[in-house]
Amino acid sequence: MIENLTTCLMIALAASSISITVTQTELFAAYREWTVKKNAMIGHLFQCFYCLSHWAVFGGMLVYRPALLHSGIALIDWVMTAFITITLATLINGLMFKVFQAAISMHVMKHDAQQKLQSHK
């Protein structure tokens, strides 16, 4: 049980990192723009960290196959475990997004301060 919970936590952490990186960083900006032009729904997927984290979790679930619940009905156990893992990923995403916003805000404040200092010279 603890091994499966650890696996779910690791999948949630990885899914959160993947989804924030793909949807929020400049590294993937061109890819996001390209996908929006090709298909609006898929484009939205690559702009929404919550949406993308679902798919990243599903991918992790398919590879690692953890099971937190054991009802005797494998599909129900898989779906429940996937949504528990998605909930963990969502909580981690929220924390990561707050940190990301704070870092961007700090960067903007530094840039503005440097601009003001340079304009006074």
C-alpha atoms as a PDB file:
ATOM      1  CA  MET A   1       0.000   0.000   0.000  1.00  0.00           C
ATOM      2  CA  ILE A   2       2.737   2.501   0.952  1.00  0.00           C
ATOM      3  CA  GLU A   3       4.593   1.667  -2.261  1.00  0.00           C
ATOM      4  CA  ASN A   4       1.496   2.436  -4.349  1.00  0.00           C
ATOM      5  CA  LEU A   5       0.889   5.687  -2.459  1.00  0.00           C
ATOM      6  CA  THR A   6       4.506   6.697  -3.042  1.00  0.00           C
ATOM      7  CA  THR A   7       4.122   5.848  -6.732  1.00  0.00           C
ATOM      8  CA  CYS A   8       0.975   7.994  -6.938  1.00  0.00           C
ATOM      9  CA  LEU A   9       2.749  10.879  -5.225  1.00  0.00           C
ATOM     10  CA  MET A  10       5.680  10.600  -7.648  1.00  0.00           C
ATOM     11  CA  ILE A  11       3.283  10.525 -10.621  1.00  0.00           C
ATOM     12  CA  ALA A  12       1.497  13.597  -9.209  1.00  0.00           C
ATOM     13  CA  LEU A  13       4.787  15.466  -8.749  1.00  0.00           C
ATOM     14  CA  ALA A  14       5.950  14.608 -12.257  1.00  0.00           C
ATOM     15  CA  ALA A  15       2.563  15.469 -13.790  1.00  0.00           C
ATOM     16  CA  SER A  16       2.563  18.820 -11.992  1.00  0.00           C
ATOM     17  CA  SER A  17       6.059  19.646 -13.153  1.00  0.00           C
ATOM     18  CA  ILE A  18       5.311  18.619 -16.727  1.00  0.00           C
ATOM     19  CA  SER A  19       2.032  20.525 -16.873  1.00  0.00           C
ATOM     20  CA  ILE A  20       3.419  23.755 -15.384  1.00  0.00           C
ATOM     21  CA  THR A  21       6.509  23.592 -17.605  1.00  0.00           C
ATOM     22  CA  VAL A  22       4.551  22.975 -20.810  1.00  0.00           C
ATOM     23  CA  THR A  23       1.722  25.447 -20.132  1.00  0.00           C
ATOM     24  CA  GLN A  24       3.548  28.318 -18.425  1.00  0.00           C
ATOM     25  CA  THR A  25       7.143  28.617 -19.615  1.00  0.00           C
ATOM     26  CA  GLU A  26       8.608  30.387 -22.620  1.00  0.00           C
ATOM     27  CA  LEU A  27      10.324  27.154 -23.607  1.00  0.00           C
ATOM     28  CA  PHE A  28       7.004  25.830 -24.953  1.00  0.00           C
ATOM     29  CA  ALA A  29       5.411  29.143 -26.055  1.00  0.00           C
ATOM     30  CA  ALA A  30       5.903  28.475 -29.774  1.00  0.00           C
ATOM     31  CA  TYR A  31       4.525  24.961 -29.396  1.00  0.00           C
ATOM     32  CA  ARG A  32       1.438  26.296 -27.576  1.00  0.00           C
ATOM     33  CA  GLU A  33       0.834  28.850 -30.348  1.00  0.00           C
ATOM     34  CA  TRP A  34       1.269  26.173 -33.021  1.00  0.00           C
ATOM     35  CA  THR A  35      -1.196  23.795 -31.361  1.00  0.00           C
ATOM     36  CA  VAL A  36      -3.831  26.542 -31.024  1.00  0.00           C
ATOM     37  CA  LYS A  37      -3.567  27.193 -34.767  1.00  0.00           C
ATOM     38  CA  LYS A  38      -3.835  23.479 -35.591  1.00  0.00           C
ATOM     39  CA  ASN A  39      -6.694  22.594 -33.244  1.00  0.00           C
ATOM     40  CA  ALA A  40      -8.382  24.859 -30.691  1.00  0.00           C
ATOM     41  CA  MET A  41      -9.230  22.056 -28.254  1.00  0.00           C
ATOM     42  CA  ILE A  42      -5.744  20.556 -28.279  1.00  0.00           C
ATOM     43  CA  GLY A  43      -4.332  24.081 -28.135  1.00  0.00           C
ATOM     44  CA  HIS A  44      -6.345  24.686 -24.967  1.00  0.00           C
ATOM     45  CA  LEU A  45      -4.954  21.487 -23.473  1.00  0.00           C
ATOM     46  CA  PHE A  46      -1.413  22.874 -23.802  1.00  0.00           C
ATOM     47  CA  GLN A  47      -2.423  26.184 -22.192  1.00  0.00           C
ATOM     48  CA  CYS A  48      -4.232  24.760 -19.148  1.00  0.00           C
ATOM     49  CA  PHE A  49      -1.990  23.188 -16.517  1.00  0.00           C
ATOM     50  CA  TYR A  50      -4.989  21.609 -14.801  1.00  0.00           C
ATOM     51  CA  CYS A  51      -6.133  19.946 -18.039  1.00  0.00           C
ATOM     52  CA  LEU A  52      -2.666  18.770 -19.062  1.00  0.00           C
ATOM     53  CA  SER A  53      -1.981  17.324 -15.611  1.00  0.00           C
ATOM     54  CA  HIS A  54      -4.901  14.897 -16.097  1.00  0.00           C
ATOM     55  CA  TRP A  55      -3.294  13.463 -19.206  1.00  0.00           C
ATOM     56  CA  ALA A  56       0.152  13.352 -17.609  1.00  0.00           C
ATOM     57  CA  VAL A  57      -1.328  11.447 -14.641  1.00  0.00           C
ATOM     58  CA  PHE A  58      -3.147   9.036 -16.965  1.00  0.00           C
ATOM     59  CA  GLY A  59       0.154   8.390 -18.764  1.00  0.00           C
ATOM     60  CA  GLY A  60       1.919   7.722 -15.472  1.00  0.00           C
ATOM     61  CA  MET A  61      -0.902   5.465 -14.359  1.00  0.00           C
ATOM     62  CA  LEU A  62      -0.639   3.397 -17.545  1.00  0.00           C
ATOM     63  CA  VAL A  63       3.102   2.935 -17.103  1.00  0.00           C
ATOM     64  CA  TYR A  64       3.346   2.332 -13.331  1.00  0.00           C
ATOM     65  CA  ARG A  65      -0.130   0.878 -12.621  1.00  0.00           C
ATOM     66  CA  PRO A  66      -0.489   1.752  -8.931  1.00  0.00           C
ATOM     67  CA  ALA A  67      -3.679   0.721  -7.116  1.00  0.00           C
ATOM     68  CA  LEU A  68      -4.643   2.458  -3.883  1.00  0.00           C
ATOM     69  CA  LEU A  69      -8.040   0.780  -3.601  1.00  0.00           C
ATOM     70  CA  HIS A  70      -8.976  -2.868  -4.017  1.00  0.00           C
ATOM     71  CA  SER A  71     -12.667  -3.378  -4.660  1.00  0.00           C
ATOM     72  CA  GLY A  72     -12.178  -6.417  -6.852  1.00  0.00           C
ATOM     73  CA  ILE A  73     -13.200  -4.420  -9.935  1.00  0.00           C
ATOM     74  CA  ALA A  74      -9.922  -3.417 -11.567  1.00  0.00           C
ATOM     75  CA  LEU A  75     -11.339  -0.618 -13.746  1.00  0.00           C
ATOM     76  CA  ILE A  76     -13.015   1.107 -10.802  1.00  0.00           C
ATOM     77  CA  ASP A  77      -9.844   0.760  -8.723  1.00  0.00           C
ATOM     78  CA  TRP A  78      -7.795   2.253 -11.584  1.00  0.00           C
ATOM     79  CA  VAL A  79     -10.186   5.185 -12.091  1.00  0.00           C
ATOM     80  CA  MET A  80     -10.360   5.947  -8.363  1.00  0.00           C
ATOM     81  CA  THR A  81      -6.570   5.766  -8.014  1.00  0.00           C
ATOM     82  CA  ALA A  82      -6.159   7.996 -11.083  1.00  0.00           C
ATOM     83  CA  PHE A  83      -8.472  10.662  -9.643  1.00  0.00           C
ATOM     84  CA  ILE A  84      -6.824  10.500  -6.232  1.00  0.00           C
ATOM     85  CA  THR A  85      -3.514  11.058  -8.030  1.00  0.00           C
ATOM     86  CA  ILE A  86      -5.026  13.897 -10.086  1.00  0.00           C
ATOM     87  CA  THR A  87      -6.190  15.522  -6.844  1.00  0.00           C
ATOM     88  CA  LEU A  88      -2.650  15.302  -5.474  1.00  0.00           C
ATOM     89  CA  ALA A  89      -1.345  16.766  -8.740  1.00  0.00           C
ATOM     90  CA  THR A  90      -3.883  19.596  -8.513  1.00  0.00           C
ATOM     91  CA  LEU A  91      -2.769  20.481  -4.984  1.00  0.00           C
ATOM     92  CA  ILE A  92       0.877  20.412  -6.087  1.00  0.00           C
ATOM     93  CA  ASN A  93       0.007  22.465  -9.204  1.00  0.00           C
ATOM     94  CA  GLY A  94      -1.606  25.119  -7.016  1.00  0.00           C
ATOM     95  CA  LEU A  95       1.498  25.362  -4.859  1.00  0.00           C
ATOM     96  CA  MET A  96       3.821  25.383  -7.870  1.00  0.00           C
ATOM     97  CA  PHE A  97       1.723  28.027  -9.632  1.00  0.00           C
ATOM     98  CA  LYS A  98       1.832  30.296  -6.576  1.00  0.00           C
ATOM     99  CA  VAL A  99       5.635  29.941  -6.454  1.00  0.00           C
ATOM    100  CA  PHE A 100       5.826  30.524 -10.218  1.00  0.00           C
ATOM    101  CA  GLN A 101       3.684  33.679  -9.916  1.00  0.00           C
ATOM    102  CA  ALA A 102       5.832  34.986  -7.059  1.00  0.00           C
ATOM    103  CA  ALA A 103       9.003  34.391  -9.075  1.00  0.00           C
ATOM    104  CA  ILE A 104       7.566  36.197 -12.117  1.00  0.00           C
ATOM    105  CA  SER A 105       6.362  39.061  -9.929  1.00  0.00           C
ATOM    106  CA  MET A 106       9.819  39.390  -8.381  1.00  0.00           C
ATOM    107  CA  HIS A 107      11.425  39.355 -11.838  1.00  0.00           C
ATOM    108  CA  VAL A 108       9.061  42.108 -13.050  1.00  0.00           C
ATOM    109  CA  MET A 109       9.760  44.228  -9.950  1.00  0.00           C
ATOM    110  CA  LYS A 110      13.531  43.869 -10.460  1.00  0.00           C
ATOM    111  CA  HIS A 111      13.200  44.789 -14.126  1.00  0.00           C
ATOM    112  CA  ASP A 112      11.065  47.847 -13.303  1.00  0.00           C
ATOM    113  CA  ALA A 113      13.529  48.977 -10.624  1.00  0.00           C
ATOM    114  CA  GLN A 114      16.459  48.625 -13.047  1.00  0.00           C
ATOM    115  CA  GLN A 115      14.567  50.637 -15.670  1.00  0.00           C
ATOM    116  CA  LYS A 116      13.858  53.410 -13.153  1.00  0.00           C
ATOM    117  CA  LEU A 117      17.477  53.515 -12.018  1.00  0.00           C
ATOM    118  CA  GLN A 118      18.714  53.705 -15.598  1.00  0.00           C
ATOM    119  CA  SER A 119      16.240  56.463 -16.518  1.00  0.00           C
ATOM    120  CA  HIS A 120      17.462  58.624 -13.593  1.00  0.00           C
ATOM    121  CA  LYS A 121      21.079  58.534 -14.805  1.00  0.00           C
END
